[in-house]
Amino acid sequence: MFWRLSRRGLHRILTSRRLLSSLHERIVSVQLQDRGLTIQWSSNRTSHLPYLYLRDNCQESESIDNSARQRLFHLALTVDFNIRAKRADTSEDGRQLCVTWPDGHRSRFSSSWLMEHS
């Protein structure tokens, strides 16, 4: 017997596998590059995330109105498109990344969010 699997069903399976694997992934190291940062994962996988993407997806209270889930800034008007992180630090357990931007703003990302979006 053959099962028919729609694209949507396949997407759900692949996404759920990725979500499950992201629960176990830890950040081993982070390197600042010219256009983004490179994350080395505990599975030896490497991800590259552009700085502009990370700044645009910041979920900190200074960036997002939690009740409306809208940005409190306009990316094109307030962020330099050549933005580069000032520093990037990981938590001791490798489950969180904190990016500090030139204006002093800090963006925090969970390892599961980073894995899902890389």
PDB file of N, CA and C in Angstrom:
ATOM      1  N   MET A   1       0.839  -1.174   0.000  1.00  0.00           N
ATOM      2  CA  MET A   1       0.000   0.000   0.000  1.00  0.00           C
ATOM      3  C   MET A   1       0.891   1.246   0.000  1.00  0.00           C
ATOM      4  N   PHE A   2       0.568   2.186  -0.866  1.00  0.00           N
ATOM      5  CA  PHE A   2       1.314   3.435  -0.950  1.00  0.00           C
ATOM      6  C   PHE A   2       0.534   4.548  -0.275  1.00  0.00           C
ATOM      7  N   TRP A   3       1.257   5.398   0.415  1.00  0.00           N
ATOM      8  CA  TRP A   3       0.644   6.572   1.034  1.00  0.00           C
ATOM      9  C   TRP A   3       0.913   7.767   0.169  1.00  0.00           C
ATOM     10  N   ARG A   4      -0.107   8.547  -0.048  1.00  0.00           N
ATOM     11  CA  ARG A   4       0.084   9.800  -0.773  1.00  0.00           C
ATOM     12  C   ARG A   4       0.401  10.885   0.224  1.00  0.00           C
ATOM     13  N   LEU A   5       1.440  11.583  -0.043  1.00  0.00           N
ATOM     14  CA  LEU A   5       1.858  12.651   0.861  1.00  0.00           C
ATOM     15  C   LEU A   5       1.883  13.959   0.086  1.00  0.00           C
ATOM     16  N   SER A   6       1.085  14.884   0.534  1.00  0.00           N
ATOM     17  CA  SER A   6       1.055  16.188  -0.126  1.00  0.00           C
ATOM     18  C   SER A   6       2.314  16.971   0.217  1.00  0.00           C
ATOM     19  N   ARG A   7       2.567  18.039  -0.516  1.00  0.00           N
ATOM     20  CA  ARG A   7       3.708  18.904  -0.202  1.00  0.00           C
ATOM     21  C   ARG A   7       3.582  19.459   1.204  1.00  0.00           C
ATOM     22  N   ARG A   8       2.367  19.806   1.570  1.00  0.00           N
ATOM     23  CA  ARG A   8       2.130  20.351   2.911  1.00  0.00           C
ATOM     24  C   ARG A   8       2.459  19.313   3.992  1.00  0.00           C
ATOM     25  N   GLY A   9       2.049  18.075   3.751  1.00  0.00           N
ATOM     26  CA  GLY A   9       2.345  16.999   4.697  1.00  0.00           C
ATOM     27  C   GLY A   9       3.836  16.738   4.802  1.00  0.00           C
ATOM     28  N   LEU A  10       4.516  16.735   3.666  1.00  0.00           N
ATOM     29  CA  LEU A  10       5.965  16.547   3.648  1.00  0.00           C
ATOM     30  C   LEU A  10       6.653  17.686   4.385  1.00  0.00           C
ATOM     31  N   HIS A  11       6.182  18.906   4.151  1.00  0.00           N
ATOM     32  CA  HIS A  11       6.756  20.065   4.839  1.00  0.00           C
ATOM     33  C   HIS A  11       6.598  19.917   6.355  1.00  0.00           C
ATOM     34  N   ARG A  12       5.442  19.440   6.802  1.00  0.00           N
ATOM     35  CA  ARG A  12       5.216  19.237   8.245  1.00  0.00           C
ATOM     36  C   ARG A  12       6.176  18.213   8.828  1.00  0.00           C
ATOM     37  N   ILE A  13       6.398  17.121   8.096  1.00  0.00           N
ATOM     38  CA  ILE A  13       7.314  16.083   8.579  1.00  0.00           C
ATOM     39  C   ILE A  13       8.722  16.633   8.672  1.00  0.00           C
ATOM     40  N   LEU A  14       9.182  17.295   7.611  1.00  0.00           N
ATOM     41  CA  LEU A  14      10.539  17.838   7.614  1.00  0.00           C
ATOM     42  C   LEU A  14      10.704  18.908   8.686  1.00  0.00           C
ATOM     43  N   THR A  15       9.701  19.757   8.857  1.00  0.00           N
ATOM     44  CA  THR A  15       9.766  20.804   9.863  1.00  0.00           C
ATOM     45  C   THR A  15       9.791  20.206  11.260  1.00  0.00           C
ATOM     46  N   SER A  16       8.976  19.189  11.509  1.00  0.00           N
ATOM     47  CA  SER A  16       8.950  18.587  12.839  1.00  0.00           C
ATOM     48  C   SER A  16      10.269  17.887  13.145  1.00  0.00           C
ATOM     49  N   ARG A  17      10.892  17.264  12.148  1.00  0.00           N
ATOM     50  CA  ARG A  17      12.205  16.648  12.361  1.00  0.00           C
ATOM     51  C   ARG A  17      13.240  17.714  12.718  1.00  0.00           C
ATOM     52  N   ARG A  18      13.180  18.818  11.987  1.00  0.00           N
ATOM     53  CA  ARG A  18      14.126  19.905  12.238  1.00  0.00           C
ATOM     54  C   ARG A  18      13.894  20.508  13.624  1.00  0.00           C
ATOM     55  N   LEU A  19      12.622  20.640  14.014  1.00  0.00           N
ATOM     56  CA  LEU A  19      12.311  21.164  15.340  1.00  0.00           C
ATOM     57  C   LEU A  19      12.829  20.242  16.423  1.00  0.00           C
ATOM     58  N   LEU A  20      12.648  18.944  16.240  1.00  0.00           N
ATOM     59  CA  LEU A  20      13.130  17.994  17.238  1.00  0.00           C
ATOM     60  C   LEU A  20      14.649  18.028  17.352  1.00  0.00           C
ATOM     61  N   SER A  21      15.329  18.096  16.205  1.00  0.00           N
ATOM     62  CA  SER A  21      16.792  18.141  16.259  1.00  0.00           C
ATOM     63  C   SER A  21      17.284  19.455  16.859  1.00  0.00           C
ATOM     64  N   SER A  22      16.516  20.534  16.646  1.00  0.00           N
ATOM     65  CA  SER A  22      16.939  21.834  17.177  1.00  0.00           C
ATOM     66  C   SER A  22      16.861  21.879  18.703  1.00  0.00           C
ATOM     67  N   LEU A  23      16.044  21.014  19.303  1.00  0.00           N
ATOM     68  CA  LEU A  23      15.946  20.980  20.762  1.00  0.00           C
ATOM     69  C   LEU A  23      17.236  20.473  21.401  1.00  0.00           C
ATOM     70  N   HIS A  24      17.987  19.672  20.665  1.00  0.00           N
ATOM     71  CA  HIS A  24      19.210  19.087  21.199  1.00  0.00           C
ATOM     72  C   HIS A  24      20.471  19.823  20.771  1.00  0.00           C
ATOM     73  N   GLU A  25      20.352  20.680  19.782  1.00  0.00           N
ATOM     74  CA  GLU A  25      21.511  21.406  19.271  1.00  0.00           C
ATOM     75  C   GLU A  25      21.967  22.484  20.243  1.00  0.00           C
ATOM     76  N   ARG A  26      23.260  22.616  20.342  1.00  0.00           N
ATOM     77  CA  ARG A  26      23.852  23.671  21.161  1.00  0.00           C
ATOM     78  C   ARG A  26      24.870  24.418  20.319  1.00  0.00           C
ATOM     79  N   ILE A  27      25.018  25.694  20.647  1.00  0.00           N
ATOM     80  CA  ILE A  27      26.006  26.513  19.955  1.00  0.00           C
ATOM     81  C   ILE A  27      27.364  26.229  20.570  1.00  0.00           C
ATOM     82  N   VAL A  28      28.305  25.830  19.737  1.00  0.00           N
ATOM     83  CA  VAL A  28      29.657  25.546  20.204  1.00  0.00           C
ATOM     84  C   VAL A  28      30.518  26.798  20.097  1.00  0.00           C
ATOM     85  N   SER A  29      30.395  27.501  18.959  1.00  0.00           N
ATOM     86  CA  SER A  29      31.168  28.730  18.769  1.00  0.00           C
ATOM     87  C   SER A  29      30.475  29.640  17.772  1.00  0.00           C
ATOM     88  N   VAL A  30      30.837  30.917  17.843  1.00  0.00           N
ATOM     89  CA  VAL A  30      30.296  31.929  16.929  1.00  0.00           C
ATOM     90  C   VAL A  30      31.458  32.771  16.423  1.00  0.00           C
ATOM     91  N   GLN A  31      31.463  33.017  15.129  1.00  0.00           N
ATOM     92  CA  GLN A  31      32.492  33.861  14.540  1.00  0.00           C
ATOM     93  C   GLN A  31      31.835  35.025  13.813  1.00  0.00           C
ATOM     94  N   LEU A  32      32.334  36.221  14.062  1.00  0.00           N
ATOM     95  CA  LEU A  32      31.859  37.400  13.349  1.00  0.00           C
ATOM     96  C   LEU A  32      32.561  37.457  12.005  1.00  0.00           C
ATOM     97  N   GLN A  33      31.774  37.548  10.941  1.00  0.00           N
ATOM     98  CA  GLN A  33      32.301  37.654   9.585  1.00  0.00           C
ATOM     99  C   GLN A  33      31.972  39.047   9.043  1.00  0.00           C
ATOM    100  N   ASP A  34      32.291  39.315   7.787  1.00  0.00           N
ATOM    101  CA  ASP A  34      32.019  40.624   7.193  1.00  0.00           C
ATOM    102  C   ASP A  34      30.535  40.938   7.095  1.00  0.00           C
ATOM    103  N   ARG A  35      29.727  39.995   6.616  1.00  0.00           N
ATOM    104  CA  ARG A  35      28.312  40.254   6.345  1.00  0.00           C
ATOM    105  C   ARG A  35      27.360  39.542   7.304  1.00  0.00           C
ATOM    106  N   GLY A  36      27.885  38.672   8.149  1.00  0.00           N
ATOM    107  CA  GLY A  36      27.031  37.918   9.068  1.00  0.00           C
ATOM    108  C   GLY A  36      27.869  37.119  10.033  1.00  0.00           C
ATOM    109  N   LEU A  37      27.193  36.318  10.835  1.00  0.00           N
ATOM    110  CA  LEU A  37      27.960  35.493  11.762  1.00  0.00           C
ATOM    111  C   LEU A  37      27.793  34.026  11.424  1.00  0.00           C
ATOM    112  N   THR A  38      28.819  33.274  11.753  1.00  0.00           N
ATOM    113  CA  THR A  38      28.844  31.842  11.494  1.00  0.00           C
ATOM    114  C   THR A  38      28.747  31.111  12.822  1.00  0.00           C
ATOM    115  N   ILE A  39      27.805  30.189  12.880  1.00  0.00           N
ATOM    116  CA  ILE A  39      27.575  29.411  14.103  1.00  0.00           C
ATOM    117  C   ILE A  39      28.033  27.983  13.869  1.00  0.00           C
ATOM    118  N   GLN A  40      28.825  27.475  14.785  1.00  0.00           N
ATOM    119  CA  GLN A  40      29.223  26.068  14.775  1.00  0.00           C
ATOM    120  C   GLN A  40      28.356  25.366  15.810  1.00  0.00           C
ATOM    121  N   TRP A  41      27.620  24.334  15.374  1.00  0.00           N
ATOM    122  CA  TRP A  41      26.688  23.612  16.232  1.00  0.00           C
ATOM    123  C   TRP A  41      27.335  22.364  16.830  1.00  0.00           C
ATOM    124  N   SER A  42      26.732  21.844  17.869  1.00  0.00           N
ATOM    125  CA  SER A  42      27.243  20.644  18.535  1.00  0.00           C
ATOM    126  C   SER A  42      27.221  19.424  17.608  1.00  0.00           C
ATOM    127  N   SER A  43      26.419  19.458  16.564  1.00  0.00           N
ATOM    128  CA  SER A  43      26.354  18.353  15.602  1.00  0.00           C
ATOM    129  C   SER A  43      27.399  18.497  14.494  1.00  0.00           C
ATOM    130  N   ASN A  44      28.277  19.491  14.627  1.00  0.00           N
ATOM    131  CA  ASN A  44      29.297  19.837  13.627  1.00  0.00           C
ATOM    132  C   ASN A  44      28.703  20.523  12.399  1.00  0.00           C
ATOM    133  N   ARG A  45      27.435  20.845  12.446  1.00  0.00           N
ATOM    134  CA  ARG A  45      26.794  21.621  11.383  1.00  0.00           C
ATOM    135  C   ARG A  45      27.213  23.079  11.532  1.00  0.00           C
ATOM    136  N   THR A  46      27.296  23.792  10.411  1.00  0.00           N
ATOM    137  CA  THR A  46      27.633  25.207  10.418  1.00  0.00           C
ATOM    138  C   THR A  46      26.501  25.993   9.777  1.00  0.00           C
ATOM    139  N   SER A  47      26.138  27.121  10.373  1.00  0.00           N
ATOM    140  CA  SER A  47      25.109  27.999   9.819  1.00  0.00           C
ATOM    141  C   SER A  47      25.687  29.397   9.669  1.00  0.00           C
ATOM    142  N   HIS A  48      25.199  30.110   8.659  1.00  0.00           N
ATOM    143  CA  HIS A  48      25.585  31.504   8.467  1.00  0.00           C
ATOM    144  C   HIS A  48      24.313  32.341   8.455  1.00  0.00           C
ATOM    145  N   LEU A  49      24.267  33.360   9.300  1.00  0.00           N
ATOM    146  CA  LEU A  49      23.114  34.250   9.377  1.00  0.00           C
ATOM    147  C   LEU A  49      23.570  35.685   9.155  1.00  0.00           C
ATOM    148  N   PRO A  50      22.989  36.360   8.163  1.00  0.00           N
ATOM    149  CA  PRO A  50      23.362  37.751   7.896  1.00  0.00           C
ATOM    150  C   PRO A  50      22.988  38.673   9.056  1.00  0.00           C
ATOM    151  N   TYR A  51      23.808  39.675   9.301  1.00  0.00           N
ATOM    152  CA  TYR A  51      23.562  40.629  10.387  1.00  0.00           C
ATOM    153  C   TYR A  51      22.224  41.347  10.223  1.00  0.00           C
ATOM    154  N   LEU A  52      21.933  41.775   9.009  1.00  0.00           N
ATOM    155  CA  LEU A  52      20.691  42.503   8.771  1.00  0.00           C
ATOM    156  C   LEU A  52      19.476  41.632   9.097  1.00  0.00           C
ATOM    157  N   TYR A  53      19.540  40.362   8.761  1.00  0.00           N
ATOM    158  CA  TYR A  53      18.458  39.426   9.076  1.00  0.00           C
ATOM    159  C   TYR A  53      18.276  39.304  10.586  1.00  0.00           C
ATOM    160  N   LEU A  54      19.384  39.177  11.303  1.00  0.00           N
ATOM    161  CA  LEU A  54      19.303  39.058  12.760  1.00  0.00           C
ATOM    162  C   LEU A  54      18.746  40.323  13.398  1.00  0.00           C
ATOM    163  N   ARG A  55      19.209  41.486  12.937  1.00  0.00           N
ATOM    164  CA  ARG A  55      18.715  42.739  13.520  1.00  0.00           C
ATOM    165  C   ARG A  55      17.235  42.925  13.223  1.00  0.00           C
ATOM    166  N   ASP A  56      16.833  42.559  12.027  1.00  0.00           N
ATOM    167  CA  ASP A  56      15.438  42.684  11.625  1.00  0.00           C
ATOM    168  C   ASP A  56      14.529  41.737  12.412  1.00  0.00           C
ATOM    169  N   ASN A  57      15.043  40.613  12.851  1.00  0.00           N
ATOM    170  CA  ASN A  57      14.249  39.614  13.560  1.00  0.00           C
ATOM    171  C   ASN A  57      14.421  39.648  15.070  1.00  0.00           C
ATOM    172  N   CYS A  58      14.987  40.722  15.579  1.00  0.00           N
ATOM    173  CA  CYS A  58      15.140  40.869  17.026  1.00  0.00           C
ATOM    174  C   CYS A  58      13.759  40.868  17.682  1.00  0.00           C
ATOM    175  N   GLN A  59      13.607  40.101  18.751  1.00  0.00           N
ATOM    176  CA  GLN A  59      12.325  39.991  19.457  1.00  0.00           C
ATOM    177  C   GLN A  59      12.349  40.659  20.829  1.00  0.00           C
ATOM    178  N   GLU A  60      13.369  41.451  21.096  1.00  0.00           N
ATOM    179  CA  GLU A  60      13.465  42.135  22.386  1.00  0.00           C
ATOM    180  C   GLU A  60      12.359  43.178  22.521  1.00  0.00           C
ATOM    181  N   SER A  61      12.011  43.511  23.744  1.00  0.00           N
ATOM    182  CA  SER A  61      10.910  44.449  24.000  1.00  0.00           C
ATOM    183  C   SER A  61      11.178  45.839  23.430  1.00  0.00           C
ATOM    184  N   GLU A  62      12.452  46.217  23.253  1.00  0.00           N
ATOM    185  CA  GLU A  62      12.775  47.522  22.672  1.00  0.00           C
ATOM    186  C   GLU A  62      12.513  47.538  21.157  1.00  0.00           C
ATOM    187  N   SER A  63      12.360  46.347  20.563  1.00  0.00           N
ATOM    188  CA  SER A  63      12.193  46.246  19.115  1.00  0.00           C
ATOM    189  C   SER A  63      10.778  45.878  18.690  1.00  0.00           C
ATOM    190  N   ILE A  64      10.032  45.220  19.569  1.00  0.00           N
ATOM    191  CA  ILE A  64       8.720  44.674  19.208  1.00  0.00           C
ATOM    192  C   ILE A  64       7.660  45.107  20.214  1.00  0.00           C
ATOM    193  N   ASP A  65       6.503  45.489  19.707  1.00  0.00           N
ATOM    194  CA  ASP A  65       5.333  45.722  20.546  1.00  0.00           C
ATOM    195  C   ASP A  65       4.675  44.357  20.727  1.00  0.00           C
ATOM    196  N   ASN A  66       4.820  43.772  21.918  1.00  0.00           N
ATOM    197  CA  ASN A  66       4.341  42.406  22.145  1.00  0.00           C
ATOM    198  C   ASN A  66       2.840  42.250  21.989  1.00  0.00           C
ATOM    199  N   SER A  67       2.065  43.276  22.286  1.00  0.00           N
ATOM    200  CA  SER A  67       0.617  43.139  22.167  1.00  0.00           C
ATOM    201  C   SER A  67       0.184  43.089  20.701  1.00  0.00           C
ATOM    202  N   ALA A  68       0.830  43.860  19.854  1.00  0.00           N
ATOM    203  CA  ALA A  68       0.468  43.891  18.435  1.00  0.00           C
ATOM    204  C   ALA A  68       1.391  43.023  17.578  1.00  0.00           C
ATOM    205  N   ARG A  69       2.523  42.555  18.165  1.00  0.00           N
ATOM    206  CA  ARG A  69       3.542  41.779  17.454  1.00  0.00           C
ATOM    207  C   ARG A  69       4.050  42.533  16.226  1.00  0.00           C
ATOM    208  N   GLN A  70       4.274  43.842  16.400  1.00  0.00           N
ATOM    209  CA  GLN A  70       4.799  44.675  15.326  1.00  0.00           C
ATOM    210  C   GLN A  70       6.108  45.312  15.755  1.00  0.00           C
ATOM    211  N   ARG A  71       6.953  45.593  14.767  1.00  0.00           N
ATOM    212  CA  ARG A  71       8.223  46.257  15.051  1.00  0.00           C
ATOM    213  C   ARG A  71       7.974  47.687  15.516  1.00  0.00           C
ATOM    214  N   LEU A  72       8.842  48.133  16.406  1.00  0.00           N
ATOM    215  CA  LEU A  72       8.760  49.512  16.875  1.00  0.00           C
ATOM    216  C   LEU A  72       9.705  50.427  16.104  1.00  0.00           C
ATOM    217  N   PHE A  73      10.384  49.884  15.110  1.00  0.00           N
ATOM    218  CA  PHE A  73      11.290  50.690  14.289  1.00  0.00           C
ATOM    219  C   PHE A  73      11.100  50.297  12.833  1.00  0.00           C
ATOM    220  N   HIS A  74      11.458  51.193  11.947  1.00  0.00           N
ATOM    221  CA  HIS A  74      11.388  50.922  10.511  1.00  0.00           C
ATOM    222  C   HIS A  74      12.801  50.600  10.055  1.00  0.00           C
ATOM    223  N   LEU A  75      12.999  49.378   9.634  1.00  0.00           N
ATOM    224  CA  LEU A  75      14.331  48.886   9.289  1.00  0.00           C
ATOM    225  C   LEU A  75      15.061  49.806   8.320  1.00  0.00           C
ATOM    226  N   ALA A  76      14.399  50.214   7.254  1.00  0.00           N
ATOM    227  CA  ALA A  76      15.054  51.029   6.216  1.00  0.00           C
ATOM    228  C   ALA A  76      15.436  52.418   6.719  1.00  0.00           C
ATOM    229  N   LEU A  77      14.723  52.917   7.715  1.00  0.00           N
ATOM    230  CA  LEU A  77      14.997  54.263   8.214  1.00  0.00           C
ATOM    231  C   LEU A  77      15.955  54.297   9.400  1.00  0.00           C
ATOM    232  N   THR A  78      16.032  53.230  10.160  1.00  0.00           N
ATOM    233  CA  THR A  78      16.807  53.274  11.402  1.00  0.00           C
ATOM    234  C   THR A  78      18.040  52.374  11.441  1.00  0.00           C
ATOM    235  N   VAL A  79      18.154  51.445  10.505  1.00  0.00           N
ATOM    236  CA  VAL A  79      19.275  50.502  10.549  1.00  0.00           C
ATOM    237  C   VAL A  79      20.124  50.645   9.296  1.00  0.00           C
ATOM    238  N   ASP A  80      21.417  50.748   9.491  1.00  0.00           N
ATOM    239  CA  ASP A  80      22.367  50.800   8.381  1.00  0.00           C
ATOM    240  C   ASP A  80      22.375  49.431   7.699  1.00  0.00           C
ATOM    241  N   PHE A  81      22.205  49.392   6.381  1.00  0.00           N
ATOM    242  CA  PHE A  81      22.157  48.119   5.672  1.00  0.00           C
ATOM    243  C   PHE A  81      23.510  47.403   5.681  1.00  0.00           C
ATOM    244  N   ASN A  82      24.560  48.102   6.042  1.00  0.00           N
ATOM    245  CA  ASN A  82      25.879  47.484   6.185  1.00  0.00           C
ATOM    246  C   ASN A  82      26.193  47.219   7.649  1.00  0.00           C
ATOM    247  N   ILE A  83      25.156  47.046   8.449  1.00  0.00           N
ATOM    248  CA  ILE A  83      25.327  46.829   9.882  1.00  0.00           C
ATOM    249  C   ILE A  83      26.204  45.609  10.146  1.00  0.00           C
ATOM    250  N   ARG A  84      26.960  45.718  11.186  1.00  0.00           N
ATOM    251  CA  ARG A  84      27.818  44.613  11.616  1.00  0.00           C
ATOM    252  C   ARG A  84      27.740  44.534  13.123  1.00  0.00           C
ATOM    253  N   ALA A  85      27.679  43.332  13.651  1.00  0.00           N
ATOM    254  CA  ALA A  85      27.613  43.152  15.099  1.00  0.00           C
ATOM    255  C   ALA A  85      28.910  43.618  15.743  1.00  0.00           C
ATOM    256  N   LYS A  86      28.771  44.204  16.906  1.00  0.00           N
ATOM    257  CA  LYS A  86      29.937  44.630  17.680  1.00  0.00           C
ATOM    258  C   LYS A  86      30.554  43.418  18.381  1.00  0.00           C
ATOM    259  N   ARG A  87      29.678  42.546  18.896  1.00  0.00           N
ATOM    260  CA  ARG A  87      30.137  41.302  19.515  1.00  0.00           C
ATOM    261  C   ARG A  87      29.001  40.299  19.555  1.00  0.00           C
ATOM    262  N   ALA A  88      29.328  39.041  19.750  1.00  0.00           N
ATOM    263  CA  ALA A  88      28.343  37.971  19.872  1.00  0.00           C
ATOM    264  C   ALA A  88      28.822  37.015  20.950  1.00  0.00           C
ATOM    265  N   ASP A  89      27.952  36.756  21.923  1.00  0.00           N
ATOM    266  CA  ASP A  89      28.291  35.885  23.046  1.00  0.00           C
ATOM    267  C   ASP A  89      27.249  34.783  23.172  1.00  0.00           C
ATOM    268  N   THR A  90      27.691  33.627  23.600  1.00  0.00           N
ATOM    269  CA  THR A  90      26.767  32.521  23.836  1.00  0.00           C
ATOM    270  C   THR A  90      26.661  32.265  25.333  1.00  0.00           C
ATOM    271  N   SER A  91      25.531  31.707  25.729  1.00  0.00           N
ATOM    272  CA  SER A  91      25.362  31.326  27.130  1.00  0.00           C
ATOM    273  C   SER A  91      26.250  30.112  27.410  1.00  0.00           C
ATOM    274  N   GLU A  92      26.497  29.850  28.675  1.00  0.00           N
ATOM    275  CA  GLU A  92      27.374  28.728  29.046  1.00  0.00           C
ATOM    276  C   GLU A  92      26.866  27.390  28.540  1.00  0.00           C
ATOM    277  N   ASP A  93      25.545  27.232  28.506  1.00  0.00           N
ATOM    278  CA  ASP A  93      24.993  25.956  28.052  1.00  0.00           C
ATOM    279  C   ASP A  93      24.809  25.888  26.539  1.00  0.00           C
ATOM    280  N   GLY A  94      25.143  26.965  25.816  1.00  0.00           N
ATOM    281  CA  GLY A  94      25.047  26.975  24.361  1.00  0.00           C
ATOM    282  C   GLY A  94      23.631  27.059  23.832  1.00  0.00           C
ATOM    283  N   ARG A  95      22.700  27.458  24.677  1.00  0.00           N
ATOM    284  CA  ARG A  95      21.287  27.514  24.269  1.00  0.00           C
ATOM    285  C   ARG A  95      20.815  28.912  23.884  1.00  0.00           C
ATOM    286  N   GLN A  96      21.685  29.911  24.021  1.00  0.00           N
ATOM    287  CA  GLN A  96      21.283  31.279  23.695  1.00  0.00           C
ATOM    288  C   GLN A  96      22.463  32.059  23.132  1.00  0.00           C
ATOM    289  N   LEU A  97      22.144  32.939  22.190  1.00  0.00           N
ATOM    290  CA  LEU A  97      23.126  33.823  21.582  1.00  0.00           C
ATOM    291  C   LEU A  97      22.703  35.256  21.858  1.00  0.00           C
ATOM    292  N   CYS A  98      23.638  36.080  22.286  1.00  0.00           N
ATOM    293  CA  CYS A  98      23.377  37.494  22.504  1.00  0.00           C
ATOM    294  C   CYS A  98      24.276  38.284  21.558  1.00  0.00           C
ATOM    295  N   VAL A  99      23.639  39.077  20.692  1.00  0.00           N
ATOM    296  CA  VAL A  99      24.363  39.900  19.723  1.00  0.00           C
ATOM    297  C   VAL A  99      24.277  41.346  20.184  1.00  0.00           C
ATOM    298  N   THR A 100      25.421  42.004  20.297  1.00  0.00           N
ATOM    299  CA  THR A 100      25.467  43.426  20.653  1.00  0.00           C
ATOM    300  C   THR A 100      25.761  44.215  19.390  1.00  0.00           C
ATOM    301  N   TRP A 101      24.914  45.233  19.131  1.00  0.00           N
ATOM    302  CA  TRP A 101      25.015  46.053  17.926  1.00  0.00           C
ATOM    303  C   TRP A 101      25.772  47.343  18.229  1.00  0.00           C
ATOM    304  N   PRO A 102      26.264  48.029  17.212  1.00  0.00           N
ATOM    305  CA  PRO A 102      27.059  49.250  17.415  1.00  0.00           C
ATOM    306  C   PRO A 102      26.346  50.327  18.241  1.00  0.00           C
ATOM    307  N   ASP A 103      25.013  50.393  18.176  1.00  0.00           N
ATOM    308  CA  ASP A 103      24.270  51.398  18.946  1.00  0.00           C
ATOM    309  C   ASP A 103      24.020  50.967  20.396  1.00  0.00           C
ATOM    310  N   GLY A 104      24.554  49.791  20.787  1.00  0.00           N
ATOM    311  CA  GLY A 104      24.394  49.288  22.147  1.00  0.00           C
ATOM    312  C   GLY A 104      23.202  48.367  22.332  1.00  0.00           C
ATOM    313  N   HIS A 105      22.317  48.298  21.350  1.00  0.00           N
ATOM    314  CA  HIS A 105      21.157  47.406  21.438  1.00  0.00           C
ATOM    315  C   HIS A 105      21.631  45.959  21.469  1.00  0.00           C
ATOM    316  N   ARG A 106      20.924  45.132  22.231  1.00  0.00           N
ATOM    317  CA  ARG A 106      21.247  43.702  22.303  1.00  0.00           C
ATOM    318  C   ARG A 106      20.068  42.878  21.814  1.00  0.00           C
ATOM    319  N   SER A 107      20.383  41.897  21.006  1.00  0.00           N
ATOM    320  CA  SER A 107      19.387  40.953  20.501  1.00  0.00           C
ATOM    321  C   SER A 107      19.738  39.581  21.059  1.00  0.00           C
ATOM    322  N   ARG A 108      18.737  38.903  21.612  1.00  0.00           N
ATOM    323  CA  ARG A 108      18.941  37.552  22.145  1.00  0.00           C
ATOM    324  C   ARG A 108      18.133  36.561  21.320  1.00  0.00           C
ATOM    325  N   PHE A 109      18.778  35.451  20.991  1.00  0.00           N
ATOM    326  CA  PHE A 109      18.134  34.409  20.189  1.00  0.00           C
ATOM    327  C   PHE A 109      18.380  33.054  20.850  1.00  0.00           C
ATOM    328  N   SER A 110      17.339  32.237  20.903  1.00  0.00           N
ATOM    329  CA  SER A 110      17.513  30.878  21.419  1.00  0.00           C
ATOM    330  C   SER A 110      18.175  30.026  20.338  1.00  0.00           C
ATOM    331  N   SER A 111      18.866  28.981  20.755  1.00  0.00           N
ATOM    332  CA  SER A 111      19.509  28.103  19.781  1.00  0.00           C
ATOM    333  C   SER A 111      18.462  27.427  18.899  1.00  0.00           C
ATOM    334  N   SER A 112      17.291  27.113  19.455  1.00  0.00           N
ATOM    335  CA  SER A 112      16.248  26.472  18.640  1.00  0.00           C
ATOM    336  C   SER A 112      15.737  27.429  17.559  1.00  0.00           C
ATOM    337  N   TRP A 113      15.573  28.724  17.890  1.00  0.00           N
ATOM    338  CA  TRP A 113      15.133  29.698  16.884  1.00  0.00           C
ATOM    339  C   TRP A 113      16.187  29.826  15.791  1.00  0.00           C
ATOM    340  N   LEU A 114      17.443  29.929  16.193  1.00  0.00           N
ATOM    341  CA  LEU A 114      18.530  30.062  15.218  1.00  0.00           C
ATOM    342  C   LEU A 114      18.603  28.838  14.306  1.00  0.00           C
ATOM    343  N   MET A 115      18.435  27.663  14.867  1.00  0.00           N
ATOM    344  CA  MET A 115      18.491  26.438  14.063  1.00  0.00           C
ATOM    345  C   MET A 115      17.326  26.392  13.076  1.00  0.00           C
ATOM    346  N   GLU A 116      16.151  26.779  13.515  1.00  0.00           N
ATOM    347  CA  GLU A 116      14.978  26.771  12.633  1.00  0.00           C
ATOM    348  C   GLU A 116      15.115  27.769  11.496  1.00  0.00           C
ATOM    349  N   HIS A 117      15.793  28.881  11.738  1.00  0.00           N
ATOM    350  CA  HIS A 117      15.861  29.963  10.761  1.00  0.00           C
ATOM    351  C   HIS A 117      17.181  30.032  10.010  1.00  0.00           C
ATOM    352  N   SER A 118      17.997  29.022  10.155  1.00  0.00           N
ATOM    353  CA  SER A 118      19.278  29.045   9.439  1.00  0.00           C
ATOM    354  C   SER A 118      19.274  28.066   8.278  1.00  0.00           C
TER     355      SER A 118
END
